[in-house]
């Protein structure tokens, strides 16, 4: 577990290449726990590559990456850590099932993380209220507007109450962030 005082992630000498193209070159970075942080920069400078490495979605080939207190180079640690991380890559609705309703999408992702029925119902209610999706629970995800798809994608990422949330683009400003729940 990490505390608000220490870093939730620390990167040292991280280099990421795509063939001969270098996306990140010797990056050193520490992200504090218990805070919101943003990476700002022009397209193509490696922000999404860095976030993918932090989320465990991209293997560390060169450098050191520690997230949630462990070494992301270790497959065993990544297997334990990744369920504690929510990663929402850029791309509207990529993680959604368009023929399933808003609620069915949330139920699906909640069951993936082993939520009991009552806890899942409460979590869906909390997230749907906080994002304004409550009136749209029965609507198929494919029939949502772009902003509503982004909200649903965020709810699906948050359904398991992760310790670390990684977004590659900012969420809609209308979202009221729910606090961490005390149980599953």
N, C-alpha and C. Protein backbone atom coordinates (compact mmCIF):
# COMPACT_ATOMS: atom_id res chain seq x y z
N UNK A 1 0.84 -1.18 0.00
CA UNK A 1 0.00 0.00 0.00
C UNK A 1 0.88 1.24 0.00
N UNK A 2 0.35 2.28 -0.56
CA UNK A 2 1.09 3.53 -0.57
C UNK A 2 0.36 4.53 0.28
N UNK A 3 1.07 5.50 0.78
CA UNK A 3 0.46 6.56 1.57
C UNK A 3 0.52 7.86 0.81
N UNK A 4 -0.23 8.84 1.29
CA UNK A 4 -0.26 10.14 0.64
C UNK A 4 1.11 10.80 0.70
N UNK A 5 1.95 10.45 1.69
CA UNK A 5 3.23 11.11 1.85
C UNK A 5 4.25 10.65 0.81
N UNK A 6 4.22 9.39 0.42
CA UNK A 6 5.21 8.86 -0.51
C UNK A 6 4.71 8.86 -1.94
N UNK A 7 5.62 8.63 -2.87
CA UNK A 7 5.20 8.59 -4.27
C UNK A 7 4.40 7.33 -4.59
N UNK A 8 3.39 7.49 -5.41
CA UNK A 8 2.61 6.35 -5.89
C UNK A 8 3.34 5.70 -7.05
N UNK A 9 4.18 6.48 -7.72
CA UNK A 9 4.98 5.96 -8.83
C UNK A 9 6.30 6.71 -8.89
N UNK A 10 7.34 5.97 -9.26
CA UNK A 10 8.68 6.56 -9.41
C UNK A 10 9.33 5.92 -10.64
N UNK A 11 9.86 6.77 -11.51
CA UNK A 11 10.49 6.34 -12.75
C UNK A 11 11.92 6.86 -12.74
N UNK A 12 12.86 6.01 -13.12
CA UNK A 12 14.27 6.43 -13.19
C UNK A 12 14.90 5.87 -14.47
N UNK A 13 15.41 6.77 -15.29
CA UNK A 13 16.11 6.35 -16.51
C UNK A 13 15.24 5.62 -17.51
N UNK A 14 13.95 5.89 -17.53
CA UNK A 14 13.03 5.18 -18.43
C UNK A 14 13.23 5.62 -19.88
N UNK A 15 13.45 4.64 -20.73
CA UNK A 15 13.56 4.87 -22.16
C UNK A 15 12.56 3.95 -22.85
N UNK A 16 11.76 4.50 -23.75
CA UNK A 16 10.79 3.74 -24.53
C UNK A 16 11.06 4.03 -26.00
N UNK A 17 11.20 2.97 -26.79
CA UNK A 17 11.43 3.09 -28.23
C UNK A 17 10.35 2.34 -28.99
N UNK A 18 10.03 2.88 -30.13
CA UNK A 18 9.17 2.22 -31.12
C UNK A 18 10.02 2.06 -32.36
N UNK A 19 10.65 0.89 -32.48
CA UNK A 19 11.62 0.69 -33.56
C UNK A 19 12.80 1.62 -33.35
N UNK A 20 13.10 2.43 -34.35
CA UNK A 20 14.23 3.36 -34.23
C UNK A 20 13.82 4.70 -33.60
N UNK A 21 12.51 4.89 -33.39
CA UNK A 21 12.01 6.16 -32.84
C UNK A 21 12.02 6.10 -31.31
N UNK A 22 12.62 7.09 -30.69
CA UNK A 22 12.69 7.17 -29.23
C UNK A 22 11.54 8.04 -28.72
N UNK A 23 10.62 7.44 -27.95
CA UNK A 23 9.48 8.18 -27.40
C UNK A 23 9.83 8.82 -26.06
N UNK A 24 10.60 8.11 -25.25
CA UNK A 24 11.06 8.61 -23.95
C UNK A 24 12.54 8.29 -23.84
N UNK A 25 13.32 9.23 -23.34
CA UNK A 25 14.76 9.04 -23.28
C UNK A 25 15.28 9.41 -21.89
N UNK A 26 15.46 8.40 -21.05
CA UNK A 26 16.05 8.62 -19.73
C UNK A 26 15.19 9.45 -18.79
N UNK A 27 13.90 9.21 -18.77
CA UNK A 27 12.98 10.00 -17.95
C UNK A 27 13.10 9.63 -16.48
N UNK A 28 13.17 10.64 -15.63
CA UNK A 28 13.13 10.50 -14.18
C UNK A 28 11.92 11.27 -13.69
N UNK A 29 11.10 10.65 -12.84
CA UNK A 29 9.86 11.28 -12.41
C UNK A 29 9.35 10.60 -11.14
N UNK A 30 8.77 11.38 -10.24
CA UNK A 30 8.09 10.83 -9.07
C UNK A 30 6.72 11.47 -9.00
N UNK A 31 5.68 10.64 -8.87
CA UNK A 31 4.30 11.12 -8.77
C UNK A 31 3.82 10.91 -7.34
N UNK A 32 3.38 11.98 -6.66
CA UNK A 32 2.97 11.84 -5.27
C UNK A 32 1.66 11.06 -5.12
N UNK A 33 1.55 10.32 -4.04
CA UNK A 33 0.31 9.63 -3.72
C UNK A 33 -0.70 10.61 -3.17
N UNK A 34 -1.98 10.29 -3.31
CA UNK A 34 -3.04 11.12 -2.74
C UNK A 34 -3.23 12.45 -3.42
N UNK A 35 -2.81 12.58 -4.67
CA UNK A 35 -2.91 13.85 -5.38
C UNK A 35 -3.26 13.60 -6.84
N UNK A 36 -3.74 14.65 -7.50
CA UNK A 36 -3.95 14.60 -8.94
C UNK A 36 -2.75 15.25 -9.61
N UNK A 37 -2.24 14.60 -10.64
CA UNK A 37 -1.09 15.13 -11.38
C UNK A 37 -1.46 15.13 -12.86
N UNK A 38 -0.87 16.04 -13.58
CA UNK A 38 -1.11 16.10 -15.02
C UNK A 38 0.20 16.19 -15.78
N UNK A 39 0.22 15.60 -16.95
CA UNK A 39 1.34 15.72 -17.88
C UNK A 39 0.85 16.56 -19.04
N UNK A 40 1.52 17.65 -19.30
CA UNK A 40 1.12 18.55 -20.37
C UNK A 40 2.27 18.68 -21.34
N UNK A 41 1.96 18.59 -22.62
CA UNK A 41 2.98 18.75 -23.64
C UNK A 41 2.39 18.50 -25.00
N UNK A 42 3.15 18.82 -26.03
CA UNK A 42 2.65 18.64 -27.40
C UNK A 42 2.49 17.16 -27.75
N UNK A 43 1.74 16.90 -28.80
CA UNK A 43 1.56 15.54 -29.29
C UNK A 43 2.91 14.93 -29.65
N UNK A 44 3.04 13.64 -29.39
CA UNK A 44 4.23 12.92 -29.81
C UNK A 44 5.44 13.01 -28.91
N UNK A 45 5.29 13.54 -27.70
CA UNK A 45 6.45 13.64 -26.81
C UNK A 45 6.56 12.49 -25.82
N UNK A 46 5.62 11.54 -25.85
CA UNK A 46 5.73 10.35 -25.02
C UNK A 46 4.84 10.30 -23.79
N UNK A 47 3.89 11.23 -23.66
CA UNK A 47 3.02 11.23 -22.47
C UNK A 47 2.24 9.92 -22.36
N UNK A 48 1.59 9.51 -23.44
CA UNK A 48 0.81 8.27 -23.40
C UNK A 48 1.69 7.05 -23.22
N UNK A 49 2.88 7.06 -23.77
CA UNK A 49 3.82 5.95 -23.57
C UNK A 49 4.19 5.83 -22.10
N UNK A 50 4.48 6.96 -21.46
CA UNK A 50 4.81 6.95 -20.03
C UNK A 50 3.65 6.40 -19.21
N UNK A 51 2.43 6.86 -19.50
CA UNK A 51 1.27 6.42 -18.75
C UNK A 51 1.00 4.92 -18.95
N UNK A 52 1.21 4.43 -20.17
CA UNK A 52 1.03 2.99 -20.43
C UNK A 52 2.02 2.16 -19.63
N UNK A 53 3.25 2.64 -19.50
CA UNK A 53 4.24 1.93 -18.69
C UNK A 53 3.82 1.94 -17.23
N UNK A 54 3.38 3.09 -16.73
CA UNK A 54 2.94 3.18 -15.33
C UNK A 54 1.76 2.26 -15.04
N UNK A 55 0.87 2.09 -16.01
CA UNK A 55 -0.31 1.25 -15.85
C UNK A 55 -0.01 -0.23 -15.98
N UNK A 56 1.18 -0.57 -16.45
CA UNK A 56 1.51 -1.98 -16.67
C UNK A 56 1.05 -2.48 -18.02
N UNK A 57 0.59 -1.59 -18.89
CA UNK A 57 0.10 -1.97 -20.22
C UNK A 57 1.25 -2.09 -21.23
N UNK A 58 2.42 -1.61 -20.86
CA UNK A 58 3.61 -1.69 -21.71
C UNK A 58 4.77 -2.14 -20.84
N UNK A 59 5.50 -3.12 -21.32
CA UNK A 59 6.63 -3.65 -20.56
C UNK A 59 7.76 -2.65 -20.45
N UNK A 60 8.43 -2.68 -19.31
CA UNK A 60 9.60 -1.84 -19.09
C UNK A 60 10.79 -2.57 -19.71
N UNK A 61 11.43 -1.93 -20.67
CA UNK A 61 12.59 -2.53 -21.31
C UNK A 61 13.89 -1.90 -20.85
N UNK A 62 13.85 -0.59 -20.55
CA UNK A 62 15.06 0.09 -20.10
C UNK A 62 14.69 1.13 -19.05
N UNK A 63 15.28 1.03 -17.89
CA UNK A 63 15.02 1.95 -16.80
C UNK A 63 14.30 1.25 -15.66
N UNK A 64 13.99 2.02 -14.63
CA UNK A 64 13.31 1.49 -13.46
C UNK A 64 11.94 2.15 -13.32
N UNK A 65 10.93 1.35 -13.02
CA UNK A 65 9.57 1.86 -12.81
C UNK A 65 8.99 1.16 -11.59
N UNK A 66 8.68 1.97 -10.58
CA UNK A 66 8.05 1.45 -9.37
C UNK A 66 6.68 2.10 -9.25
N UNK A 67 5.65 1.28 -9.08
CA UNK A 67 4.28 1.75 -8.95
C UNK A 67 3.64 1.00 -7.80
N UNK A 68 2.92 1.72 -6.94
CA UNK A 68 2.24 1.11 -5.80
C UNK A 68 3.19 0.25 -4.97
N UNK A 69 4.43 0.70 -4.85
CA UNK A 69 5.38 0.05 -3.98
C UNK A 69 6.15 -1.12 -4.56
N UNK A 70 6.00 -1.39 -5.85
CA UNK A 70 6.70 -2.54 -6.41
C UNK A 70 7.30 -2.26 -7.77
N UNK A 71 8.09 -3.20 -8.24
CA UNK A 71 8.84 -3.09 -9.49
C UNK A 71 7.99 -3.58 -10.67
N UNK A 72 7.66 -2.68 -11.57
CA UNK A 72 6.82 -3.02 -12.72
C UNK A 72 7.57 -3.87 -13.76
N UNK A 73 8.87 -4.07 -13.58
CA UNK A 73 9.60 -4.99 -14.48
C UNK A 73 9.27 -6.44 -14.14
N UNK A 74 8.80 -6.68 -12.93
CA UNK A 74 8.47 -8.03 -12.47
C UNK A 74 7.06 -8.42 -12.93
N UNK A 75 6.97 -9.48 -13.72
CA UNK A 75 5.66 -9.96 -14.18
C UNK A 75 4.77 -10.35 -13.01
N UNK A 76 5.36 -10.94 -11.99
CA UNK A 76 4.57 -11.35 -10.81
C UNK A 76 4.00 -10.13 -10.10
N UNK A 77 4.81 -9.07 -9.95
CA UNK A 77 4.29 -7.87 -9.32
C UNK A 77 3.22 -7.21 -10.19
N UNK A 78 3.46 -7.11 -11.50
CA UNK A 78 2.45 -6.51 -12.40
C UNK A 78 1.12 -7.25 -12.29
N UNK A 79 1.17 -8.57 -12.19
CA UNK A 79 -0.06 -9.36 -12.07
C UNK A 79 -0.83 -8.99 -10.81
N UNK A 80 -0.10 -8.68 -9.73
CA UNK A 80 -0.76 -8.28 -8.48
C UNK A 80 -1.18 -6.81 -8.51
N UNK A 81 -0.39 -5.97 -9.16
CA UNK A 81 -0.64 -4.52 -9.12
C UNK A 81 -1.70 -4.07 -10.12
N UNK A 82 -1.73 -4.65 -11.29
CA UNK A 82 -2.64 -4.15 -12.33
C UNK A 82 -4.11 -4.12 -11.92
N UNK A 83 -4.62 -5.07 -11.14
CA UNK A 83 -6.00 -4.96 -10.67
C UNK A 83 -6.23 -3.78 -9.72
N UNK A 84 -5.15 -3.20 -9.21
CA UNK A 84 -5.26 -2.05 -8.31
C UNK A 84 -5.15 -0.72 -9.07
N UNK A 85 -4.99 -0.82 -10.38
CA UNK A 85 -4.80 0.34 -11.25
C UNK A 85 -5.95 0.40 -12.24
N UNK A 86 -6.46 1.60 -12.47
CA UNK A 86 -7.44 1.82 -13.55
C UNK A 86 -6.74 2.64 -14.62
N UNK A 87 -6.79 2.15 -15.84
CA UNK A 87 -6.13 2.81 -16.96
C UNK A 87 -7.15 3.05 -18.05
N UNK A 88 -7.35 4.31 -18.38
CA UNK A 88 -8.32 4.66 -19.42
C UNK A 88 -7.57 5.35 -20.56
N UNK A 89 -7.15 4.56 -21.56
CA UNK A 89 -6.42 5.16 -22.67
C UNK A 89 -7.31 6.05 -23.52
N UNK A 90 -6.66 6.94 -24.26
CA UNK A 90 -7.39 7.85 -25.13
C UNK A 90 -8.12 7.05 -26.20
N UNK A 91 -9.25 7.51 -26.60
CA UNK A 91 -10.04 6.83 -27.61
C UNK A 91 -11.43 6.60 -27.06
N UNK A 92 -12.36 7.37 -27.53
CA UNK A 92 -13.71 7.39 -27.01
C UNK A 92 -14.39 6.03 -27.07
N UNK A 93 -14.75 5.50 -25.91
CA UNK A 93 -15.54 4.29 -25.83
C UNK A 93 -14.84 3.01 -26.22
N UNK A 94 -13.52 3.01 -26.29
CA UNK A 94 -12.81 1.79 -26.69
C UNK A 94 -13.08 0.62 -25.77
N UNK A 95 -13.32 0.90 -24.51
CA UNK A 95 -13.51 -0.17 -23.55
C UNK A 95 -14.99 -0.52 -23.33
N UNK A 96 -15.89 0.05 -24.14
CA UNK A 96 -17.33 -0.16 -23.94
C UNK A 96 -17.88 -1.19 -24.92
N UNK A 97 -18.97 -1.82 -24.51
CA UNK A 97 -19.70 -2.74 -25.38
C UNK A 97 -20.94 -2.01 -25.87
N UNK A 98 -20.99 -1.60 -27.14
CA UNK A 98 -22.04 -0.70 -27.62
C UNK A 98 -23.45 -1.26 -27.56
N UNK A 99 -23.62 -2.57 -27.63
CA UNK A 99 -24.98 -3.14 -27.59
C UNK A 99 -25.48 -3.35 -26.16
N UNK A 100 -24.56 -3.30 -25.19
CA UNK A 100 -24.98 -3.41 -23.79
C UNK A 100 -25.41 -2.05 -23.28
N UNK A 101 -26.34 -2.04 -22.34
CA UNK A 101 -26.78 -0.78 -21.74
C UNK A 101 -25.67 -0.22 -20.85
N UNK A 102 -25.86 1.01 -20.43
CA UNK A 102 -24.93 1.63 -19.50
C UNK A 102 -24.77 0.74 -18.27
N UNK A 103 -25.89 0.32 -17.69
CA UNK A 103 -25.83 -0.52 -16.49
C UNK A 103 -25.18 -1.87 -16.78
N UNK A 104 -25.48 -2.47 -17.90
CA UNK A 104 -24.89 -3.77 -18.24
C UNK A 104 -23.37 -3.65 -18.41
N UNK A 105 -22.90 -2.56 -19.01
CA UNK A 105 -21.45 -2.34 -19.11
C UNK A 105 -20.84 -2.26 -17.71
N UNK A 106 -21.47 -1.49 -16.83
CA UNK A 106 -20.96 -1.34 -15.47
C UNK A 106 -21.00 -2.67 -14.71
N UNK A 107 -22.09 -3.42 -14.88
CA UNK A 107 -22.21 -4.74 -14.24
C UNK A 107 -21.08 -5.66 -14.73
N UNK A 108 -20.84 -5.65 -16.04
CA UNK A 108 -19.80 -6.50 -16.61
C UNK A 108 -18.44 -6.19 -16.00
N UNK A 109 -18.05 -4.92 -16.00
CA UNK A 109 -16.74 -4.55 -15.46
C UNK A 109 -16.67 -4.80 -13.96
N UNK A 110 -17.75 -4.57 -13.25
CA UNK A 110 -17.76 -4.84 -11.81
C UNK A 110 -17.59 -6.31 -11.50
N UNK A 111 -18.24 -7.17 -12.29
CA UNK A 111 -18.09 -8.61 -12.06
C UNK A 111 -16.68 -9.09 -12.38
N UNK A 112 -16.02 -8.44 -13.36
CA UNK A 112 -14.62 -8.80 -13.66
C UNK A 112 -13.74 -8.66 -12.43
N UNK A 113 -14.07 -7.69 -11.58
CA UNK A 113 -13.27 -7.45 -10.39
C UNK A 113 -13.86 -8.09 -9.14
N UNK A 114 -14.84 -8.97 -9.31
CA UNK A 114 -15.34 -9.77 -8.21
C UNK A 114 -16.26 -9.08 -7.22
N UNK A 115 -16.87 -7.98 -7.62
CA UNK A 115 -17.81 -7.30 -6.72
C UNK A 115 -19.00 -8.22 -6.41
N UNK A 116 -19.40 -8.26 -5.16
CA UNK A 116 -20.63 -8.95 -4.77
C UNK A 116 -21.81 -8.13 -5.29
N UNK A 117 -22.95 -8.77 -5.48
CA UNK A 117 -24.11 -8.13 -6.10
C UNK A 117 -24.51 -6.81 -5.42
N UNK A 118 -24.64 -6.81 -4.09
CA UNK A 118 -25.08 -5.61 -3.38
C UNK A 118 -24.02 -4.50 -3.46
N UNK A 119 -22.76 -4.86 -3.26
CA UNK A 119 -21.68 -3.87 -3.34
C UNK A 119 -21.59 -3.29 -4.74
N UNK A 120 -21.80 -4.12 -5.76
CA UNK A 120 -21.76 -3.65 -7.14
C UNK A 120 -22.91 -2.69 -7.41
N UNK A 121 -24.10 -3.03 -6.93
CA UNK A 121 -25.26 -2.15 -7.10
C UNK A 121 -24.98 -0.78 -6.47
N UNK A 122 -24.43 -0.77 -5.27
CA UNK A 122 -24.12 0.49 -4.57
C UNK A 122 -23.05 1.28 -5.32
N UNK A 123 -22.04 0.59 -5.84
CA UNK A 123 -20.96 1.27 -6.57
C UNK A 123 -21.50 1.88 -7.86
N UNK A 124 -22.34 1.14 -8.58
CA UNK A 124 -22.93 1.66 -9.82
C UNK A 124 -23.78 2.89 -9.52
N UNK A 125 -24.57 2.82 -8.46
CA UNK A 125 -25.39 3.97 -8.08
C UNK A 125 -24.53 5.20 -7.78
N UNK A 126 -23.47 5.01 -7.00
CA UNK A 126 -22.57 6.10 -6.65
C UNK A 126 -21.94 6.73 -7.89
N UNK A 127 -21.41 5.90 -8.79
CA UNK A 127 -20.74 6.40 -9.99
C UNK A 127 -21.74 7.04 -10.96
N UNK A 128 -22.90 6.41 -11.14
CA UNK A 128 -23.90 6.95 -12.07
C UNK A 128 -24.44 8.29 -11.58
N UNK A 129 -24.64 8.42 -10.28
CA UNK A 129 -25.07 9.72 -9.74
C UNK A 129 -23.99 10.78 -9.92
N UNK A 130 -22.77 10.44 -9.62
CA UNK A 130 -21.67 11.39 -9.70
C UNK A 130 -21.36 11.88 -11.10
N UNK A 131 -21.69 11.07 -12.09
CA UNK A 131 -21.40 11.44 -13.48
C UNK A 131 -22.63 11.92 -14.24
N UNK A 132 -23.80 11.84 -13.62
CA UNK A 132 -25.02 12.24 -14.31
C UNK A 132 -25.56 11.16 -15.24
N UNK A 133 -25.07 9.94 -15.11
CA UNK A 133 -25.53 8.85 -15.97
C UNK A 133 -26.74 8.09 -15.41
N UNK A 134 -27.15 8.40 -14.20
CA UNK A 134 -28.23 7.66 -13.56
C UNK A 134 -29.49 7.58 -14.43
N UNK A 135 -29.94 8.67 -15.07
CA UNK A 135 -31.14 8.57 -15.90
C UNK A 135 -30.95 7.75 -17.18
N UNK A 136 -29.71 7.36 -17.48
CA UNK A 136 -29.43 6.70 -18.75
C UNK A 136 -28.97 5.25 -18.58
N UNK A 137 -29.20 4.67 -17.43
CA UNK A 137 -28.71 3.31 -17.17
C UNK A 137 -29.24 2.28 -18.17
N UNK A 138 -30.43 2.47 -18.70
CA UNK A 138 -31.01 1.49 -19.62
C UNK A 138 -30.61 1.74 -21.08
N UNK A 139 -29.97 2.87 -21.37
CA UNK A 139 -29.63 3.21 -22.76
C UNK A 139 -28.42 2.40 -23.23
N UNK A 140 -28.48 1.85 -24.45
CA UNK A 140 -27.30 1.16 -25.00
C UNK A 140 -26.12 2.13 -25.10
N UNK A 141 -24.94 1.65 -24.76
CA UNK A 141 -23.75 2.51 -24.78
C UNK A 141 -23.49 3.08 -26.17
N UNK A 142 -23.84 2.34 -27.21
CA UNK A 142 -23.64 2.81 -28.58
C UNK A 142 -24.51 4.00 -28.94
N UNK A 143 -25.53 4.27 -28.14
CA UNK A 143 -26.44 5.39 -28.42
C UNK A 143 -26.15 6.61 -27.54
N UNK A 144 -25.03 6.59 -26.84
CA UNK A 144 -24.66 7.72 -25.99
C UNK A 144 -23.91 8.76 -26.81
N UNK A 145 -23.98 10.01 -26.36
CA UNK A 145 -23.17 11.07 -26.97
C UNK A 145 -21.71 10.82 -26.61
N UNK A 146 -20.82 11.55 -27.27
CA UNK A 146 -19.39 11.39 -26.99
C UNK A 146 -19.04 11.65 -25.54
N UNK A 147 -19.57 12.74 -24.96
CA UNK A 147 -19.28 13.06 -23.57
C UNK A 147 -19.82 12.01 -22.62
N UNK A 148 -21.00 11.46 -22.93
CA UNK A 148 -21.57 10.43 -22.07
C UNK A 148 -20.78 9.12 -22.19
N UNK A 149 -20.26 8.82 -23.38
CA UNK A 149 -19.40 7.64 -23.53
C UNK A 149 -18.14 7.81 -22.69
N UNK A 150 -17.60 9.02 -22.68
CA UNK A 150 -16.40 9.27 -21.88
C UNK A 150 -16.71 9.08 -20.39
N UNK A 151 -17.87 9.56 -19.96
CA UNK A 151 -18.27 9.37 -18.56
C UNK A 151 -18.44 7.89 -18.24
N UNK A 152 -19.08 7.14 -19.14
CA UNK A 152 -19.27 5.71 -18.90
C UNK A 152 -17.93 4.99 -18.88
N UNK A 153 -17.03 5.34 -19.78
CA UNK A 153 -15.70 4.74 -19.77
C UNK A 153 -14.99 4.99 -18.45
N UNK A 154 -15.14 6.20 -17.94
CA UNK A 154 -14.54 6.54 -16.65
C UNK A 154 -15.18 5.72 -15.53
N UNK A 155 -16.50 5.58 -15.54
CA UNK A 155 -17.18 4.77 -14.52
C UNK A 155 -16.70 3.32 -14.58
N UNK A 156 -16.52 2.78 -15.79
CA UNK A 156 -16.03 1.41 -15.93
C UNK A 156 -14.62 1.28 -15.37
N UNK A 157 -13.80 2.33 -15.54
CA UNK A 157 -12.45 2.31 -15.00
C UNK A 157 -12.46 2.41 -13.47
N UNK A 158 -13.43 3.13 -12.93
CA UNK A 158 -13.50 3.35 -11.48
C UNK A 158 -14.31 2.30 -10.73
N UNK A 159 -14.97 1.40 -11.43
CA UNK A 159 -15.92 0.48 -10.80
C UNK A 159 -15.27 -0.35 -9.70
N UNK A 160 -14.00 -0.66 -9.81
CA UNK A 160 -13.34 -1.50 -8.80
C UNK A 160 -12.61 -0.67 -7.73
N UNK A 161 -12.86 0.64 -7.69
CA UNK A 161 -12.30 1.51 -6.67
C UNK A 161 -10.77 1.39 -6.63
N UNK A 162 -10.12 1.71 -7.76
CA UNK A 162 -8.67 1.50 -7.85
C UNK A 162 -7.87 2.44 -6.94
N UNK A 163 -6.67 2.02 -6.64
CA UNK A 163 -5.75 2.85 -5.86
C UNK A 163 -5.08 3.91 -6.73
N UNK A 164 -4.97 3.63 -8.02
CA UNK A 164 -4.33 4.54 -8.96
C UNK A 164 -5.18 4.63 -10.21
N UNK A 165 -5.55 5.83 -10.60
CA UNK A 165 -6.33 6.07 -11.81
C UNK A 165 -5.45 6.82 -12.80
N UNK A 166 -5.30 6.25 -14.00
CA UNK A 166 -4.49 6.86 -15.04
C UNK A 166 -5.38 7.16 -16.23
N UNK A 167 -5.50 8.43 -16.58
CA UNK A 167 -6.30 8.88 -17.72
C UNK A 167 -5.38 9.51 -18.74
N UNK A 168 -5.55 9.17 -20.02
CA UNK A 168 -4.71 9.80 -21.03
C UNK A 168 -5.33 11.06 -21.60
N UNK A 169 -6.56 11.36 -21.19
CA UNK A 169 -7.17 12.65 -21.51
C UNK A 169 -8.06 13.03 -20.34
N UNK A 170 -8.28 14.32 -20.12
CA UNK A 170 -9.03 14.74 -18.94
C UNK A 170 -10.50 14.32 -19.02
N UNK A 171 -11.11 14.04 -17.87
CA UNK A 171 -12.54 13.69 -17.84
C UNK A 171 -13.39 14.95 -18.03
N UNK A 172 -14.67 14.77 -18.37
CA UNK A 172 -15.56 15.92 -18.48
C UNK A 172 -15.62 16.70 -17.17
N UNK A 173 -15.69 18.01 -17.26
CA UNK A 173 -15.69 18.87 -16.07
C UNK A 173 -16.93 18.68 -15.21
N UNK A 174 -18.01 18.13 -15.76
CA UNK A 174 -19.26 17.99 -15.03
C UNK A 174 -19.26 16.85 -14.02
N UNK A 175 -18.20 16.07 -13.97
CA UNK A 175 -18.16 14.92 -13.06
C UNK A 175 -17.86 15.36 -11.64
N UNK A 176 -18.67 14.86 -10.70
CA UNK A 176 -18.40 15.04 -9.28
C UNK A 176 -17.67 13.79 -8.82
N UNK A 177 -16.42 13.94 -8.43
CA UNK A 177 -15.60 12.79 -8.07
C UNK A 177 -16.07 12.16 -6.78
N UNK A 178 -16.48 10.89 -6.82
CA UNK A 178 -16.86 10.22 -5.58
C UNK A 178 -15.63 9.86 -4.78
N UNK A 179 -15.77 9.84 -3.46
CA UNK A 179 -14.66 9.43 -2.60
C UNK A 179 -14.44 7.94 -2.69
N UNK A 180 -13.31 7.50 -2.24
CA UNK A 180 -13.03 6.06 -2.22
C UNK A 180 -13.99 5.37 -1.27
N UNK A 181 -14.48 4.22 -1.67
CA UNK A 181 -15.36 3.47 -0.79
C UNK A 181 -14.53 2.70 0.22
N UNK A 182 -15.17 2.27 1.27
CA UNK A 182 -14.45 1.56 2.31
C UNK A 182 -14.38 0.07 2.09
N UNK A 183 -15.14 -0.46 1.16
CA UNK A 183 -15.12 -1.90 0.95
C UNK A 183 -15.59 -2.27 -0.43
N UNK A 184 -15.60 -3.54 -0.71
CA UNK A 184 -15.99 -4.03 -2.03
C UNK A 184 -17.35 -4.64 -1.98
